[in-house]
Amino acid sequence: MKIHIILGSKSDMPIAEKVQQVLNEFKVEYVLDVASAHRTPDVLKGLVEKSDAEVFIGIAGLSAALPGVIAAHTIKPVIGVPVSGKVNLDAILSIIQMPPGIPVAAVGLDRGENAALLAVEILGVADKSLTKKLKEYRNKMRDQILSK
């Protein structure tokens, strides 16, 4: 498995589906789990410590501590996806305002597809076939824009 997607709640599944769609398109292996940073911290810690993933994607709303807690238990890259809700700023700030020494990459609200693309870019540093697929993906986007 290359990417480990962790949701703070099953209600975050629509955002995870965006991640899955992109990873499936690039044929990148992943696993998906649900574990709350606050309600199941022991489960979350075990998932992260036992994972053989190269990149983690943490999807969470509200206080959105999940990506930071994942990062606290690994030295591998963690990408946080804030989920929109009643108070969007809480989720955004919880992910981007990490303390020194424990970085978490962040994408925009509900931008699961960007999290997946960033993860593919990270993997592409060592896997040139993914770099080639990324170039093709961007060329396809470019062609779609120009055709309109």
Protein backbone atom coordinates (compact mmCIF):
# COMPACT_ATOMS: atom_id res chain seq x y z
CA MET A 1 0.00 0.00 0.00
CA LYS A 2 1.30 3.43 -0.89
CA ILE A 3 -1.27 5.79 0.65
CA HIS A 4 -3.24 5.52 3.86
CA ILE A 5 -6.43 7.59 3.93
CA ILE A 6 -7.83 8.15 7.41
CA LEU A 7 -11.19 9.81 8.05
CA GLY A 8 -12.13 11.36 11.35
CA SER A 9 -15.73 10.25 10.81
CA LYS A 10 -17.81 8.26 8.32
CA SER A 11 -19.52 11.55 7.46
CA ASP A 12 -16.25 12.57 5.74
CA MET A 13 -16.72 9.82 3.14
CA PRO A 14 -17.81 12.16 0.28
CA ILE A 15 -14.40 13.84 0.50
CA ALA A 16 -12.61 10.48 0.68
CA GLU A 17 -14.42 9.43 -2.50
CA LYS A 18 -12.73 12.32 -4.31
CA VAL A 19 -9.37 11.00 -3.11
CA GLN A 20 -10.22 7.46 -4.16
CA GLN A 21 -11.33 8.55 -7.63
CA VAL A 22 -7.96 10.21 -8.35
CA LEU A 23 -5.89 7.41 -6.83
CA ASN A 24 -7.83 4.85 -8.86
CA GLU A 25 -7.20 6.88 -12.01
CA PHE A 26 -3.45 6.83 -11.29
CA LYS A 27 -3.62 3.17 -10.18
CA VAL A 28 -2.04 3.97 -6.81
CA GLU A 29 -2.65 1.53 -3.98
CA TYR A 30 -4.36 2.81 -0.86
CA VAL A 31 -6.25 1.74 2.20
CA LEU A 32 -9.00 3.68 3.98
CA ASP A 33 -9.81 3.66 7.68
CA VAL A 34 -12.01 5.67 10.04
CA ALA A 35 -10.47 6.70 13.35
CA SER A 36 -11.12 9.80 15.43
CA ALA A 37 -8.24 11.77 16.91
CA HIS A 38 -10.37 12.45 19.98
CA ARG A 39 -12.79 9.53 20.34
CA THR A 40 -10.45 6.66 19.33
CA PRO A 41 -6.90 7.97 19.86
CA ASP A 42 -5.50 4.53 20.66
CA VAL A 43 -6.96 3.07 17.46
CA LEU A 44 -5.57 5.96 15.42
CA LYS A 45 -2.11 5.60 16.93
CA GLY A 46 -2.11 1.86 16.18
CA LEU A 47 -3.20 2.41 12.57
CA VAL A 48 -0.46 4.94 11.93
CA GLU A 49 2.31 3.02 13.67
CA LYS A 50 1.45 -0.26 11.88
CA SER A 51 0.89 1.30 8.46
CA ASP A 52 3.37 0.66 5.67
CA ALA A 53 2.04 3.64 3.70
CA GLU A 54 4.46 6.12 2.15
CA VAL A 55 2.01 9.03 2.49
CA PHE A 56 -0.96 9.66 4.79
CA ILE A 57 -4.06 11.68 3.97
CA GLY A 58 -6.08 12.81 6.99
CA ILE A 59 -9.61 14.06 6.35
CA ALA A 60 -11.43 15.86 9.16
CA GLY A 61 -13.79 18.69 9.99
CA LEU A 62 -14.59 20.72 13.09
CA SER A 63 -11.39 20.95 15.14
CA ALA A 64 -9.64 18.81 12.46
CA ALA A 65 -6.90 17.58 14.78
CA LEU A 66 -6.66 14.29 12.89
CA PRO A 67 -3.86 15.17 10.41
CA GLY A 68 -1.75 16.63 13.20
CA VAL A 69 -2.20 13.58 15.39
CA ILE A 70 -1.26 11.35 12.44
CA ALA A 71 1.88 13.47 11.96
CA ALA A 72 2.74 13.10 15.65
CA HIS A 73 3.03 9.33 15.14
CA THR A 74 5.00 9.18 11.87
CA ILE A 75 7.86 10.84 10.03
CA LYS A 76 6.19 10.19 6.67
CA PRO A 77 4.38 12.98 4.78
CA VAL A 78 0.87 13.83 5.99
CA ILE A 79 -1.64 15.76 3.92
CA GLY A 80 -4.61 17.30 5.71
CA VAL A 81 -7.98 17.91 4.10
CA PRO A 82 -10.24 20.24 6.08
CA VAL A 83 -13.92 19.38 5.70
CA SER A 84 -16.40 22.21 5.41
CA GLY A 85 -19.08 22.62 8.03
CA LYS A 86 -20.69 25.25 10.21
CA VAL A 87 -17.37 26.87 11.14
CA ASN A 88 -14.91 26.29 8.28
CA LEU A 89 -12.12 28.37 9.74
CA ASP A 90 -11.68 25.98 12.69
CA ALA A 91 -10.90 23.05 10.37
CA ILE A 92 -8.54 25.09 8.19
CA LEU A 93 -6.58 26.58 11.09
CA SER A 94 -6.34 23.25 12.92
CA ILE A 95 -4.50 21.80 9.93
CA ILE A 96 -2.32 24.71 8.83
CA GLN A 97 -1.29 26.00 12.27
CA MET A 98 0.90 23.06 13.32
CA PRO A 99 3.66 23.63 15.86
CA PRO A 100 7.30 23.73 14.70
CA GLY A 101 8.74 20.32 13.95
CA ILE A 102 5.49 18.52 13.06
CA PRO A 103 4.54 19.71 9.56
CA VAL A 104 1.29 18.83 7.83
CA ALA A 105 0.63 19.76 4.21
CA ALA A 106 -2.81 21.25 3.68
CA VAL A 107 -5.18 21.54 0.75
CA GLY A 108 -8.36 23.59 0.46
CA LEU A 109 -11.72 22.85 2.04
CA ASP A 110 -13.15 19.57 0.75
CA ARG A 111 -10.34 19.27 -1.83
CA GLY A 112 -9.81 15.53 -1.62
CA GLU A 113 -8.78 15.46 -5.27
CA ASN A 114 -5.93 17.89 -4.58
CA ALA A 115 -4.79 15.82 -1.61
CA ALA A 116 -4.65 12.76 -3.86
CA LEU A 117 -2.72 14.65 -6.55
CA LEU A 118 -0.25 15.98 -3.98
CA ALA A 119 0.26 12.45 -2.67
CA VAL A 120 0.88 11.20 -6.23
CA GLU A 121 3.39 14.03 -6.74
CA ILE A 122 5.21 13.01 -3.55
CA LEU A 123 5.32 9.38 -4.71
CA GLY A 124 6.40 10.57 -8.16
CA VAL A 125 9.73 11.80 -6.76
CA ALA A 126 10.81 8.15 -6.61
CA ASP A 127 8.47 6.68 -9.26
CA LYS A 128 9.01 8.17 -12.72
CA SER A 129 6.00 6.32 -14.14
CA LEU A 130 3.80 8.40 -11.83
CA THR A 131 5.59 11.56 -12.97
CA LYS A 132 4.75 10.65 -16.55
CA LYS A 133 1.09 10.05 -15.63
CA LEU A 134 0.97 13.41 -13.83
CA LYS A 135 2.27 15.18 -16.94
CA GLU A 136 -0.38 13.44 -19.04
CA TYR A 137 -3.05 14.40 -16.50
CA ARG A 138 -2.06 18.06 -16.62
CA ASN A 139 -1.89 18.04 -20.42
CA LYS A 140 -5.41 16.59 -20.48
CA MET A 141 -6.63 19.39 -18.17
CA ARG A 142 -4.92 21.95 -20.38
CA ASP A 143 -6.51 20.52 -23.53
CA GLN A 144 -9.96 20.56 -21.90
CA ILE A 145 -9.59 24.24 -21.01
CA LEU A 146 -8.33 25.20 -24.46
CA SER A 147 -11.08 23.27 -26.23
CA LYS A 148 -13.71 25.46 -24.60
